[in-house]
Structures are given as structure tokens and as C-alpha cells.
């Protein structure tokens, strides 16, 4: 433990927390809400996340990415073929001042059933 005067001598603040942006990773959760995937995460000190998604059905795949600044986001991207089931797999990185920082999040998937 140091006194506030000692911390001040070293240019540190006893009330300022240092967050290591290299080791932080978002924890994402995907659930189906009103027929569309909803992605949730804890925002903390970061500006948001860069979300990556791989959509696959049968032998075909498509990838896209989105910048998310709210603690939840509904994926309203159109289905590749509404008559076939498809799997959407998501992962993310935190964003800080417009740059990707930290570690890759967990990977979470959801399967959208075919529409009849």
C-alpha cells in the first residue's frame, strides 16, 4: 500500500484504474427472439464490439461483420434461403477508440429453422 502522495510522485492516481485492453475478451450470448438471433454482451469500459458472423446452410457459407455499440443487438439479416435451416455462428472482439482490442470472445451458434 502506498500513500496518495507517493502515487502522485510516480504520476499515478489512486482513483484511476488501469484496464489491460490486451487481455480482455467479450462474453457473448445468442438467443432466438421473435424469430431472429439476439446477441448480448457486457459493454464495460469499451466502445462496443466488432461482431463476426458466419452463416451456413448445406454446403454454402457467407460471412459478414457488424460494429455493435449497444449491449444487445438483433440480427435481422435476411436468410440465405428461407426454405432451408441455417446455422449462424458468432464471435466478437472489443472495440476501443475505433480499434479492435483484446482477445477473441467465446463462439456461440444458433440454428434458424426453415420457414414454411
Foldseek 3Di string as FASTA:
>chain_A
DDDQVVCVVVVHGPPDDDDDQAADFWAWDWDADPQWIKIFTDQPPFQFKWKKKWKDFDPDIDIDIDTDRDRMDTDPDDDPALQTKIKMKMKIATHHPRDGTYDIYDIDMDIRHRDD
